[in-house]
């Protein structure tokens, strides 16, 4: 992208693949950038090389942004805060951010997992502080990976990514704020429930990883898309249909995995396998190389478990989703339901579909 926008002050919370990609790109565009991590070691390569090298959809060497392990220093005075941290970090980060952010600021979970915005809204309420504008996306705008110390390969900047807010009527305000950084690549979603359910990571990540578990345990690092056979693609589709059935039962609409591939990468034709190759083949990102990979530690407890838990609240069976949770738990020797984001964690136990939807619209159940 060569577009330039008015100077802004943006904080990125999380210094992994996505965090470094955004920090580097925003620095190249001339913005005031702050990059936060809990760990000083995440900055060692950036400090030693003096910046972040970007390749792929963005080419260039970005100067070193402000690097800090002090979250208050990172977010104070920033008009926009991008949370690009792993899903398991959202809970404690939300607690910290709810004590720091002011009403005029915008925070974006990029990407979110279902319930991240709601969780932050609940922390603001617990702290008895007026909330900032909260937004989330179902996937990262940047498809990227670190390919060396402070070297980020950006395989794609997606054509369009949905965004929704709490409160849900404030979406245009968030989109206007973000346009100075990302142009018009973010588009309005209906609400954080439909957008949160639109996170398809677990759909694409979990079935190929679990059904090719020997290659994971052997650390073969094969490209993820090469693990998808025609039959595994049918499993992906069946798991996706359960996610869509949950959306329908909660009276919201969200895109299918195949519609996501069309919106994000312009993929429209071919068999399921051919569409996956078209969408992900160029990046050829490797499969998980261990049972502690984020395809297990994030996509199951903060994807499949959350869907299953909400479905149980409304009496909707998700047998394939539950089967993957159970099998993955045995493979990883982990109780994902005990550690994951559930209806109880979100304050939605014993809520009906109307109350659940209301909470995702405005931060509190009906």
Protein backbone atom coordinates (compact mmCIF):
# COMPACT_ATOMS: atom_id res chain seq x y z
CA UNK A 1 0.00 0.00 0.00
CA UNK A 2 1.40 3.42 -0.94
CA UNK A 3 -1.50 5.52 0.34
CA UNK A 4 -0.77 8.19 2.94
CA UNK A 5 -3.20 9.61 5.47
CA UNK A 6 -3.15 12.39 8.07
CA UNK A 7 -0.70 11.80 10.90
CA UNK A 8 -2.17 9.78 13.75
CA UNK A 9 -1.05 8.37 17.08
CA UNK A 10 -1.51 4.62 17.17
CA UNK A 11 -0.57 2.08 19.83
CA UNK A 12 -0.15 -1.60 19.01
CA UNK A 13 -0.53 -4.00 21.92
CA UNK A 14 1.37 -7.18 21.10
CA UNK A 15 4.70 -7.52 19.28
CA UNK A 16 4.25 -10.77 17.38
CA UNK A 17 3.59 -11.33 13.68
CA UNK A 18 0.64 -8.97 13.34
CA UNK A 19 1.87 -6.42 15.86
CA UNK A 20 5.20 -5.98 14.12
CA UNK A 21 3.54 -5.90 10.70
CA UNK A 22 1.19 -3.09 11.72
CA UNK A 23 3.87 -1.19 13.62
CA UNK A 24 6.25 -1.37 10.67
CA UNK A 25 3.62 -0.41 8.10
CA UNK A 26 2.23 2.47 10.14
CA UNK A 27 5.76 3.78 10.73
CA UNK A 28 6.45 3.70 7.00
CA UNK A 29 3.27 5.72 6.46
CA UNK A 30 4.53 8.39 8.85
CA UNK A 31 2.34 7.86 11.90
CA UNK A 32 3.36 8.17 15.55
CA UNK A 33 3.63 4.48 16.54
CA UNK A 34 4.01 2.86 19.96
CA UNK A 35 4.57 -0.91 20.20
CA UNK A 36 3.88 -2.67 23.51
CA UNK A 37 4.89 -6.08 24.79
CA UNK A 38 5.04 -7.50 28.29
CA UNK A 39 8.49 -8.87 27.54
CA UNK A 40 11.62 -6.88 26.70
CA UNK A 41 12.93 -9.89 24.74
CA UNK A 42 10.31 -9.24 22.05
CA UNK A 43 12.17 -6.02 21.21
CA UNK A 44 15.70 -7.40 21.07
CA UNK A 45 15.77 -7.90 17.29
CA UNK A 46 14.12 -4.55 16.57
CA UNK A 47 16.61 -2.78 18.82
CA UNK A 48 19.61 -4.59 17.37
CA UNK A 49 18.62 -3.95 13.74
CA UNK A 50 17.21 -0.48 14.34
CA UNK A 51 13.82 -1.17 12.85
CA UNK A 52 11.42 -3.62 11.20
CA UNK A 53 11.94 -4.98 7.69
CA UNK A 54 8.77 -5.63 5.69
CA UNK A 55 8.40 -7.69 2.53
CA UNK A 56 5.53 -9.00 0.43
CA UNK A 57 2.49 -6.75 0.06
CA UNK A 58 4.46 -4.00 1.82
CA UNK A 59 8.12 -3.46 1.03
CA UNK A 60 10.43 -1.32 3.09
CA UNK A 61 12.49 -0.89 6.20
CA UNK A 62 10.64 0.93 8.97
CA UNK A 63 12.52 2.90 11.57
CA UNK A 64 12.22 1.73 15.16
CA UNK A 65 8.93 2.85 16.71
CA UNK A 66 8.58 3.62 20.40
CA UNK A 67 9.06 0.26 22.15
CA UNK A 68 7.76 -0.18 25.68
CA UNK A 69 6.82 -2.77 28.28
CA UNK A 70 4.72 -0.11 30.05
CA UNK A 71 1.20 -0.37 28.71
CA UNK A 72 0.22 3.02 30.11
CA UNK A 73 3.06 4.68 28.22
CA UNK A 74 1.97 2.90 25.05
CA UNK A 75 -1.69 3.88 25.10
CA UNK A 76 -1.66 7.30 26.79
CA UNK A 77 -2.50 9.96 24.20
CA UNK A 78 -3.01 7.46 21.37
CA UNK A 79 -6.19 8.06 19.42
CA UNK A 80 -6.30 4.39 18.38
CA UNK A 81 -5.19 1.26 20.20
CA UNK A 82 -4.86 -1.97 18.23
CA UNK A 83 -4.85 -5.18 20.29
CA UNK A 84 -2.83 -7.67 18.24
CA UNK A 85 -2.08 -10.06 21.09
CA UNK A 86 -2.96 -13.77 21.32
CA UNK A 87 -6.50 -14.62 22.35
CA UNK A 88 -5.44 -15.95 25.75
CA UNK A 89 -4.02 -12.51 26.56
CA UNK A 90 -7.22 -10.58 25.90
CA UNK A 91 -8.68 -11.09 29.38
CA UNK A 92 -5.79 -9.61 31.38
CA UNK A 93 -5.14 -6.91 28.77
CA UNK A 94 -8.79 -5.87 28.94
CA UNK A 95 -8.54 -5.49 32.70
CA UNK A 96 -5.51 -3.23 32.28
CA UNK A 97 -6.98 -1.23 29.39
CA UNK A 98 -10.25 -0.62 31.24
CA UNK A 99 -8.26 1.19 33.92
CA UNK A 100 -6.37 3.36 31.41
CA UNK A 101 -8.37 4.21 28.30
CA UNK A 102 -10.47 7.36 28.01
CA UNK A 103 -13.88 7.75 26.29
CA UNK A 104 -12.43 9.54 23.25
CA UNK A 105 -10.07 6.67 22.42
CA UNK A 106 -10.76 3.72 20.12
CA UNK A 107 -9.57 0.20 20.88
CA UNK A 108 -9.71 -2.49 18.19
CA UNK A 109 -9.23 -6.22 18.79
CA UNK A 110 -7.55 -7.12 15.50
CA UNK A 111 -8.37 -9.88 15.30
CA UNK A 112 -10.90 -10.61 18.00
CA UNK A 113 -12.21 -13.89 19.23
CA UNK A 114 -15.89 -14.11 20.09
CA UNK A 115 -16.51 -12.07 23.24
CA UNK A 116 -13.36 -9.91 23.43
CA UNK A 117 -15.23 -6.61 23.07
CA UNK A 118 -17.90 -7.76 25.50
CA UNK A 119 -15.23 -8.78 28.01
CA UNK A 120 -13.61 -5.32 27.84
CA UNK A 121 -17.00 -3.63 28.24
CA UNK A 122 -17.60 -5.71 31.37
CA UNK A 123 -14.22 -4.64 32.79
CA UNK A 124 -15.09 -0.97 32.24
CA UNK A 125 -18.37 -1.55 34.08
CA UNK A 126 -16.58 -3.33 36.95
CA UNK A 127 -14.11 -0.45 37.22
CA UNK A 128 -17.04 2.02 37.15
CA UNK A 129 -15.36 3.99 34.38
CA UNK A 130 -16.97 5.35 31.21
CA UNK A 131 -15.92 3.08 28.34
CA UNK A 132 -13.97 4.04 25.29
CA UNK A 133 -15.25 3.05 21.85
CA UNK A 134 -14.60 -0.70 21.48
CA UNK A 135 -14.31 -2.46 18.13
CA UNK A 136 -13.34 -5.87 16.83
CA UNK A 137 -12.70 -7.73 13.59
CA UNK A 138 -13.11 -11.45 12.86
CA UNK A 139 -9.66 -11.75 11.30
CA UNK A 140 -6.49 -9.77 11.00
CA UNK A 141 -6.30 -7.31 8.14
CA UNK A 142 -2.72 -8.53 7.66
CA UNK A 143 -1.90 -12.11 6.70
CA UNK A 144 1.69 -12.24 7.84
CA UNK A 145 4.49 -14.17 9.52
CA UNK A 146 7.86 -13.35 11.01
CA UNK A 147 10.55 -14.81 8.76
CA UNK A 148 13.54 -13.76 10.76
CA UNK A 149 14.46 -11.35 13.55
CA UNK A 150 12.42 -8.16 12.99
CA UNK A 151 11.60 -9.36 9.46
CA UNK A 152 7.90 -9.66 8.62
CA UNK A 153 6.55 -11.16 5.43
CA UNK A 154 3.10 -9.77 4.63
CA UNK A 155 1.47 -12.34 2.39
CA UNK A 156 -1.61 -10.22 1.91
CA UNK A 157 -3.42 -7.18 3.18
CA UNK A 158 -7.01 -8.34 2.87
CA UNK A 159 -9.37 -6.55 0.52
CA UNK A 160 -12.13 -6.15 3.10
CA UNK A 161 -12.50 -7.07 6.76
CA UNK A 162 -15.68 -6.53 8.75
CA UNK A 163 -15.65 -4.46 11.91
CA UNK A 164 -18.29 -3.99 14.60
CA UNK A 165 -18.44 -1.94 17.78
CA UNK A 166 -19.83 -1.73 21.29
CA UNK A 167 -22.08 0.20 21.25
CA UNK A 168 -23.18 -1.19 17.91
CA UNK A 169 -24.45 2.15 16.58
CA UNK A 170 -20.94 3.67 16.71
CA UNK A 171 -19.44 1.66 13.85
CA UNK A 172 -19.19 4.61 11.45
CA UNK A 173 -17.22 6.58 14.01
CA UNK A 174 -14.71 3.74 14.34
CA UNK A 175 -14.41 3.28 10.58
CA UNK A 176 -13.75 6.98 10.10
CA UNK A 177 -11.00 6.90 12.74
CA UNK A 178 -9.36 3.85 11.18
CA UNK A 179 -9.45 5.19 7.63
CA UNK A 180 -6.50 7.49 8.35
CA UNK A 181 -4.39 4.39 8.95
CA UNK A 182 -5.83 1.65 6.76
CA UNK A 183 -7.89 3.39 4.10
CA UNK A 184 -11.30 1.82 3.55
CA UNK A 185 -10.31 -1.80 4.03
CA UNK A 186 -12.43 -2.11 7.15
CA UNK A 187 -16.13 -2.33 6.37
CA UNK A 188 -19.18 -2.14 8.61
CA UNK A 189 -20.38 -5.32 10.25
CA UNK A 190 -23.73 -5.63 11.97
CA UNK A 191 -22.67 -6.25 15.59
CA UNK A 192 -19.92 -7.88 17.63
CA UNK A 193 -21.85 -11.15 17.87
CA UNK A 194 -22.03 -11.65 14.11
CA UNK A 195 -18.48 -10.35 13.62
CA UNK A 196 -17.13 -12.45 16.49
CA UNK A 197 -18.79 -15.55 15.07
CA UNK A 198 -17.19 -14.61 11.75
CA UNK A 199 -13.72 -15.52 13.03
CA UNK A 200 -13.04 -18.59 10.86
CA UNK A 201 -9.60 -19.44 12.24
CA UNK A 202 -10.78 -22.55 14.06
CA UNK A 203 -12.63 -23.73 10.95
CA UNK A 204 -9.48 -23.77 8.81
CA UNK A 205 -6.86 -24.46 11.48
CA UNK A 206 -8.26 -27.23 13.66
CA UNK A 207 -9.51 -30.01 11.32
CA UNK A 208 -6.34 -30.28 9.19
CA UNK A 209 -4.12 -30.13 12.29
CA UNK A 210 -6.06 -32.77 14.24
CA UNK A 211 -6.62 -35.06 11.27
CA UNK A 212 -2.92 -34.89 10.35
CA UNK A 213 -1.68 -35.14 13.93
CA UNK A 214 1.37 -37.28 13.09
CA UNK A 215 2.84 -34.52 10.93
CA UNK A 216 2.27 -32.11 13.82
CA UNK A 217 4.00 -34.38 16.33
CA UNK A 218 6.84 -34.99 13.87
CA UNK A 219 7.21 -31.19 13.33
CA UNK A 220 7.12 -31.64 9.58
CA UNK A 221 6.07 -27.99 9.10
CA UNK A 222 4.21 -28.74 5.90
CA UNK A 223 2.23 -25.87 4.38
CA UNK A 224 -1.16 -25.91 6.11
CA UNK A 225 -3.10 -25.79 2.84
CA UNK A 226 -1.39 -28.99 1.60
CA UNK A 227 -2.96 -30.93 4.48
CA UNK A 228 -6.48 -30.30 3.18
CA UNK A 229 -7.66 -33.30 1.17
CA UNK A 230 -11.14 -33.41 -0.42
CA UNK A 231 -12.49 -35.35 2.60
CA UNK A 232 -10.86 -33.03 5.14
CA UNK A 233 -12.37 -30.14 3.20
CA UNK A 234 -15.78 -31.73 3.76
CA UNK A 235 -15.03 -31.84 7.50
CA UNK A 236 -14.09 -28.15 7.37
CA UNK A 237 -17.39 -27.41 5.68
CA UNK A 238 -19.37 -29.48 8.20
CA UNK A 239 -17.70 -27.70 11.13
CA UNK A 240 -18.46 -24.39 9.45
CA UNK A 241 -22.13 -25.34 9.10
CA UNK A 242 -22.34 -25.85 12.87
CA UNK A 243 -20.90 -22.36 13.43
CA UNK A 244 -23.48 -20.94 11.02
CA UNK A 245 -26.26 -22.82 12.81
CA UNK A 246 -25.24 -21.13 16.07
CA UNK A 247 -25.38 -17.73 14.38
CA UNK A 248 -28.86 -18.50 13.07
CA UNK A 249 -30.06 -19.67 16.49
CA UNK A 250 -28.83 -16.38 17.99
CA UNK A 251 -30.63 -14.45 15.21
CA UNK A 252 -27.54 -13.01 13.55
CA UNK A 253 -26.00 -13.49 10.14
CA UNK A 254 -22.35 -14.15 9.49
CA UNK A 255 -20.35 -15.25 6.47
CA UNK A 256 -19.43 -18.83 5.69
CA UNK A 257 -15.78 -19.83 5.50
CA UNK A 258 -16.06 -19.88 1.71
CA UNK A 259 -17.59 -16.39 1.68
CA UNK A 260 -14.70 -15.26 3.88
CA UNK A 261 -12.21 -16.54 1.28
CA UNK A 262 -14.07 -14.54 -1.37
CA UNK A 263 -14.14 -11.30 0.66
CA UNK A 264 -10.57 -11.54 1.96
CA UNK A 265 -8.73 -12.97 -1.05
CA UNK A 266 -11.11 -12.68 -4.00
CA UNK A 267 -11.49 -16.49 -4.27
CA UNK A 268 -14.78 -17.45 -5.92
CA UNK A 269 -14.38 -20.58 -8.05
CA UNK A 270 -13.28 -24.18 -7.73
CA UNK A 271 -13.69 -27.08 -5.38
CA UNK A 272 -13.24 -26.57 -1.66
CA UNK A 273 -9.61 -27.69 -1.90
CA UNK A 274 -8.93 -25.47 -4.92
CA UNK A 275 -10.37 -22.44 -3.12
CA UNK A 276 -8.20 -23.07 -0.06
CA UNK A 277 -5.10 -23.36 -2.28
CA UNK A 278 -6.01 -20.12 -4.06
CA UNK A 279 -6.54 -18.32 -0.77
CA UNK A 280 -3.58 -19.63 1.21
CA UNK A 281 -1.18 -21.18 -1.30
CA UNK A 282 0.81 -18.03 -1.95
CA UNK A 283 1.61 -17.57 1.74
CA UNK A 284 2.23 -21.31 2.32
CA UNK A 285 2.37 -20.80 6.07
CA UNK A 286 3.45 -23.96 7.89
CA UNK A 287 1.23 -26.27 9.87
CA UNK A 288 1.58 -26.46 13.66
CA UNK A 289 4.92 -27.87 14.75
CA UNK A 290 3.82 -28.85 18.27
CA UNK A 291 0.77 -29.50 20.42
CA UNK A 292 1.30 -26.12 22.08
CA UNK A 293 0.88 -24.25 18.81
CA UNK A 294 -1.74 -21.50 18.77
CA UNK A 295 -3.95 -23.55 16.41
CA UNK A 296 -4.58 -25.63 19.53
CA UNK A 297 -4.05 -23.21 22.42
CA UNK A 298 -6.10 -20.36 20.88
CA UNK A 299 -8.48 -21.74 18.28
CA UNK A 300 -9.92 -24.43 20.55
CA UNK A 301 -10.40 -22.69 23.94
CA UNK A 302 -11.25 -19.30 22.42
CA UNK A 303 -13.05 -20.56 19.32
CA UNK A 304 -14.64 -23.98 19.50
CA UNK A 305 -15.18 -23.91 23.28
CA UNK A 306 -16.90 -20.51 23.15
CA UNK A 307 -19.24 -21.64 20.36
CA UNK A 308 -20.05 -24.85 22.21
CA UNK A 309 -20.67 -23.06 25.50
CA UNK A 310 -23.07 -20.51 23.99
CA UNK A 311 -24.83 -23.27 22.08
CA UNK A 312 -25.39 -25.18 25.33
CA UNK A 313 -27.06 -22.10 26.84
CA UNK A 314 -29.75 -22.21 24.17
CA UNK A 315 -30.04 -25.99 23.77
CA UNK A 316 -28.36 -26.21 20.37
CA UNK A 317 -26.30 -29.37 19.73
CA UNK A 318 -22.91 -28.94 18.03
CA UNK A 319 -21.70 -32.56 17.91
CA UNK A 320 -18.74 -32.08 15.55
CA UNK A 321 -17.52 -29.01 17.44
CA UNK A 322 -17.73 -30.92 20.72
CA UNK A 323 -15.93 -33.89 19.18
CA UNK A 324 -12.98 -31.76 18.11
CA UNK A 325 -12.81 -30.20 21.59
CA UNK A 326 -12.77 -33.64 23.20
CA UNK A 327 -10.28 -35.22 20.79
CA UNK A 328 -7.97 -32.20 20.91
CA UNK A 329 -8.08 -32.22 24.69
CA UNK A 330 -6.89 -35.81 24.76
CA UNK A 331 -4.17 -35.16 22.18
CA UNK A 332 -2.91 -32.07 23.99
CA UNK A 333 -3.54 -33.43 27.51
CA UNK A 334 -5.46 -30.23 28.28
CA UNK A 335 -8.95 -29.46 29.57
CA UNK A 336 -9.78 -26.76 27.06
CA UNK A 337 -13.25 -26.21 28.49
CA UNK A 338 -11.75 -25.38 31.89
CA UNK A 339 -9.32 -22.84 30.44
CA UNK A 340 -11.38 -21.41 27.60
CA UNK A 341 -13.81 -18.53 27.16
CA UNK A 342 -17.24 -19.77 28.16
CA UNK A 343 -20.69 -18.30 28.75
CA UNK A 344 -19.83 -18.15 32.45
CA UNK A 345 -16.66 -16.14 31.78
CA UNK A 346 -18.69 -13.71 29.65
CA UNK A 347 -21.46 -13.39 32.25
CA UNK A 348 -23.96 -15.07 29.94
CA UNK A 349 -24.91 -18.18 31.90
CA UNK A 350 -28.63 -18.94 31.85
CA UNK A 351 -29.25 -16.25 29.22
CA UNK A 352 -31.65 -16.77 26.35
CA UNK A 353 -30.78 -15.85 22.73
CA UNK A 354 -32.32 -12.37 23.06
CA UNK A 355 -30.26 -11.51 26.14
CA UNK A 356 -27.08 -12.93 24.63
CA UNK A 357 -27.53 -10.83 21.51
CA UNK A 358 -28.27 -7.71 23.58
CA UNK A 359 -25.02 -8.12 25.50
CA UNK A 360 -23.02 -8.19 22.28
CA UNK A 361 -24.84 -5.09 21.01
CA UNK A 362 -24.30 -2.78 23.96
CA UNK A 363 -22.10 -4.57 26.50
CA UNK A 364 -24.79 -5.82 28.89
CA UNK A 365 -27.56 -8.46 28.64
CA UNK A 366 -31.11 -7.31 28.16
